[in-house]
N, C-alpha and C. Protein backbone atom coordinates (compact mmCIF):
# COMPACT_ATOMS: atom_id res chain seq x y z
N UNK A 1 0.82 -1.19 0.00
CA UNK A 1 0.00 0.00 0.00
C UNK A 1 0.87 1.26 0.00
N UNK A 2 1.97 1.23 0.75
CA UNK A 2 2.86 2.39 0.76
C UNK A 2 3.44 2.63 -0.63
N UNK A 3 3.77 1.55 -1.32
CA UNK A 3 4.35 1.68 -2.65
C UNK A 3 3.34 2.28 -3.62
N UNK A 4 2.07 1.90 -3.47
CA UNK A 4 1.01 2.45 -4.33
C UNK A 4 0.88 3.95 -4.11
N UNK A 5 0.83 4.38 -2.87
CA UNK A 5 0.71 5.80 -2.57
C UNK A 5 1.92 6.57 -3.07
N UNK A 6 3.10 6.00 -2.88
CA UNK A 6 4.32 6.67 -3.34
C UNK A 6 4.34 6.77 -4.86
N UNK A 7 3.89 5.74 -5.55
CA UNK A 7 3.86 5.76 -7.02
C UNK A 7 2.88 6.80 -7.54
N UNK A 8 1.72 6.90 -6.91
CA UNK A 8 0.73 7.90 -7.32
C UNK A 8 1.28 9.30 -7.12
N UNK A 9 1.83 9.57 -5.94
CA UNK A 9 2.33 10.90 -5.62
C UNK A 9 3.54 11.27 -6.47
N UNK A 10 4.42 10.30 -6.72
CA UNK A 10 5.62 10.57 -7.52
C UNK A 10 5.27 10.98 -8.94
N UNK A 11 4.17 10.46 -9.46
CA UNK A 11 3.74 10.83 -10.80
C UNK A 11 3.16 12.22 -10.89
N UNK A 12 2.80 12.80 -9.77
CA UNK A 12 2.17 14.12 -9.76
C UNK A 12 3.15 15.26 -9.52
N UNK A 13 4.23 14.99 -8.84
CA UNK A 13 5.12 16.06 -8.37
C UNK A 13 6.30 16.29 -9.31
N UNK A 14 6.95 17.45 -9.12
CA UNK A 14 8.16 17.77 -9.90
C UNK A 14 9.42 17.21 -9.25
N UNK A 15 9.37 16.97 -7.95
CA UNK A 15 10.52 16.43 -7.21
C UNK A 15 10.16 15.08 -6.60
N UNK A 16 10.10 14.02 -7.41
CA UNK A 16 9.69 12.71 -6.88
C UNK A 16 10.64 12.12 -5.84
N UNK A 17 11.88 12.59 -5.82
CA UNK A 17 12.84 12.06 -4.84
C UNK A 17 12.51 12.54 -3.43
N UNK A 18 11.68 13.57 -3.29
CA UNK A 18 11.31 14.09 -1.97
C UNK A 18 9.99 13.53 -1.44
N UNK A 19 9.39 12.58 -2.16
CA UNK A 19 8.14 11.97 -1.71
C UNK A 19 8.47 10.92 -0.66
N UNK A 20 7.88 11.07 0.53
CA UNK A 20 8.10 10.13 1.63
C UNK A 20 6.74 9.70 2.17
N UNK A 21 6.58 8.40 2.34
CA UNK A 21 5.34 7.86 2.89
C UNK A 21 5.66 7.11 4.17
N UNK A 22 4.99 7.49 5.25
CA UNK A 22 5.14 6.77 6.51
C UNK A 22 3.76 6.27 6.93
N UNK A 23 3.74 5.27 7.79
CA UNK A 23 2.45 4.73 8.21
C UNK A 23 2.47 4.45 9.71
N UNK A 24 1.28 4.44 10.27
CA UNK A 24 1.11 4.09 11.68
C UNK A 24 -0.26 3.44 11.84
N UNK A 25 -0.38 2.62 12.86
CA UNK A 25 -1.63 1.91 13.15
C UNK A 25 -2.40 2.68 14.21
N UNK A 26 -3.70 2.91 13.96
CA UNK A 26 -4.52 3.68 14.89
C UNK A 26 -5.92 3.08 14.93
N UNK A 27 -6.27 2.43 16.02
CA UNK A 27 -7.61 1.84 16.21
C UNK A 27 -8.02 0.91 15.06
N UNK A 28 -7.12 0.08 14.62
CA UNK A 28 -7.43 -0.85 13.54
C UNK A 28 -7.39 -0.24 12.16
N UNK A 29 -7.03 1.02 12.06
CA UNK A 29 -6.93 1.70 10.78
C UNK A 29 -5.48 2.08 10.53
N UNK A 30 -4.99 1.82 9.33
CA UNK A 30 -3.64 2.22 8.97
C UNK A 30 -3.70 3.64 8.44
N UNK A 31 -2.93 4.52 9.05
CA UNK A 31 -2.88 5.92 8.63
C UNK A 31 -1.58 6.14 7.87
N UNK A 32 -1.69 6.55 6.62
CA UNK A 32 -0.52 6.85 5.79
C UNK A 32 -0.31 8.35 5.75
N UNK A 33 0.91 8.78 6.04
CA UNK A 33 1.27 10.19 6.00
C UNK A 33 2.12 10.41 4.75
N UNK A 34 1.65 11.28 3.88
CA UNK A 34 2.35 11.59 2.63
C UNK A 34 3.05 12.93 2.79
N UNK A 35 4.36 12.91 2.65
CA UNK A 35 5.17 14.13 2.75
C UNK A 35 5.75 14.43 1.37
N UNK A 36 5.52 15.64 0.89
CA UNK A 36 6.08 16.07 -0.40
C UNK A 36 6.77 17.41 -0.20
N UNK A 37 7.53 17.83 -1.22
CA UNK A 37 8.21 19.13 -1.16
C UNK A 37 7.17 20.24 -1.05
N UNK A 38 7.56 21.33 -0.41
CA UNK A 38 6.64 22.46 -0.22
C UNK A 38 6.08 22.97 -1.55
N UNK A 39 6.92 23.01 -2.58
CA UNK A 39 6.49 23.51 -3.90
C UNK A 39 5.48 22.57 -4.55
N UNK A 40 5.50 21.30 -4.22
CA UNK A 40 4.63 20.31 -4.86
C UNK A 40 3.33 20.09 -4.10
N UNK A 41 3.15 20.75 -2.98
CA UNK A 41 1.95 20.53 -2.16
C UNK A 41 0.68 20.83 -2.94
N UNK A 42 0.67 21.90 -3.70
CA UNK A 42 -0.51 22.26 -4.49
C UNK A 42 -0.84 21.24 -5.55
N UNK A 43 0.17 20.62 -6.13
CA UNK A 43 -0.04 19.59 -7.15
C UNK A 43 -0.71 18.36 -6.57
N UNK A 44 -0.35 18.01 -5.34
CA UNK A 44 -0.90 16.82 -4.71
C UNK A 44 -2.31 17.07 -4.18
N UNK A 45 -2.57 18.28 -3.71
CA UNK A 45 -3.89 18.60 -3.18
C UNK A 45 -4.87 18.92 -4.30
N UNK A 46 -4.44 19.70 -5.27
CA UNK A 46 -5.30 20.05 -6.40
C UNK A 46 -6.30 21.14 -6.06
N UNK A 47 -6.99 21.60 -7.07
CA UNK A 47 -7.99 22.64 -6.87
C UNK A 47 -9.15 22.08 -6.04
N UNK A 48 -9.46 22.79 -4.98
CA UNK A 48 -10.52 22.41 -4.05
C UNK A 48 -10.34 20.99 -3.51
N UNK A 49 -9.10 20.50 -3.49
CA UNK A 49 -8.81 19.19 -2.92
C UNK A 49 -9.23 18.00 -3.76
N UNK A 50 -9.48 18.23 -5.04
CA UNK A 50 -9.98 17.14 -5.89
C UNK A 50 -8.96 16.01 -6.07
N UNK A 51 -7.70 16.35 -6.25
CA UNK A 51 -6.69 15.30 -6.43
C UNK A 51 -6.49 14.54 -5.13
N UNK A 52 -6.48 15.25 -4.01
CA UNK A 52 -6.34 14.59 -2.71
C UNK A 52 -7.49 13.62 -2.48
N UNK A 53 -8.70 14.04 -2.82
CA UNK A 53 -9.86 13.15 -2.68
C UNK A 53 -9.72 11.93 -3.56
N UNK A 54 -9.25 12.11 -4.78
CA UNK A 54 -9.07 10.99 -5.71
C UNK A 54 -8.03 10.01 -5.18
N UNK A 55 -6.95 10.52 -4.62
CA UNK A 55 -5.91 9.66 -4.04
C UNK A 55 -6.51 8.84 -2.90
N UNK A 56 -7.30 9.47 -2.07
CA UNK A 56 -7.92 8.77 -0.94
C UNK A 56 -8.89 7.70 -1.42
N UNK A 57 -9.64 7.98 -2.49
CA UNK A 57 -10.58 7.00 -3.04
C UNK A 57 -9.83 5.78 -3.57
N UNK A 58 -8.75 6.01 -4.29
CA UNK A 58 -7.96 4.89 -4.84
C UNK A 58 -7.37 4.06 -3.71
N UNK A 59 -6.85 4.71 -2.68
CA UNK A 59 -6.25 3.99 -1.56
C UNK A 59 -7.31 3.18 -0.81
N UNK A 60 -8.49 3.77 -0.61
CA UNK A 60 -9.57 3.05 0.07
C UNK A 60 -10.02 1.84 -0.73
N UNK A 61 -10.08 1.99 -2.05
CA UNK A 61 -10.50 0.88 -2.91
C UNK A 61 -9.47 -0.25 -2.85
N UNK A 62 -8.20 0.10 -2.87
CA UNK A 62 -7.15 -0.92 -2.79
C UNK A 62 -7.17 -1.60 -1.42
N UNK A 63 -7.43 -0.84 -0.38
CA UNK A 63 -7.47 -1.41 0.97
C UNK A 63 -8.66 -2.34 1.14
N UNK A 64 -9.77 -2.01 0.52
CA UNK A 64 -10.96 -2.84 0.62
C UNK A 64 -10.70 -4.23 0.03
N UNK A 65 -9.92 -4.29 -1.02
CA UNK A 65 -9.58 -5.58 -1.63
C UNK A 65 -8.79 -6.46 -0.66
N UNK A 66 -8.06 -5.83 0.28
CA UNK A 66 -7.25 -6.57 1.25
C UNK A 66 -7.90 -6.60 2.63
N UNK A 67 -9.19 -6.25 2.71
CA UNK A 67 -9.92 -6.21 3.99
C UNK A 67 -9.21 -5.36 5.03
N UNK A 68 -8.79 -4.16 4.62
CA UNK A 68 -8.12 -3.23 5.52
C UNK A 68 -8.88 -1.91 5.53
N UNK A 69 -8.58 -1.09 6.53
CA UNK A 69 -9.09 0.28 6.57
C UNK A 69 -7.88 1.21 6.52
N UNK A 70 -7.95 2.22 5.68
CA UNK A 70 -6.83 3.15 5.56
C UNK A 70 -7.32 4.59 5.55
N UNK A 71 -6.44 5.47 5.96
CA UNK A 71 -6.64 6.91 5.86
C UNK A 71 -5.36 7.49 5.27
N UNK A 72 -5.50 8.56 4.50
CA UNK A 72 -4.33 9.21 3.92
C UNK A 72 -4.33 10.65 4.40
N UNK A 73 -3.21 11.06 5.00
CA UNK A 73 -3.03 12.44 5.43
C UNK A 73 -1.88 13.02 4.64
N UNK A 74 -2.08 14.21 4.13
CA UNK A 74 -1.05 14.87 3.34
C UNK A 74 -0.41 15.95 4.22
N UNK A 75 0.88 15.78 4.48
CA UNK A 75 1.60 16.71 5.35
C UNK A 75 2.55 17.55 4.54
């Protein structure tokens, strides 16, 4: 799952080497923290958060296939 999130984010940003994904377990839910360069933050969030929402939808769909619960936070 971390590799999927990193691959999605790396395709969106100008500095893919600065994309870092960390995870932690919280109440049975895996929380993924996506860290990107300051300049690329707008590219990952998108207008009115549309790209961020799409990333979360894809991650939730992938997690459902593995019977998991996930959340994505963009830092």
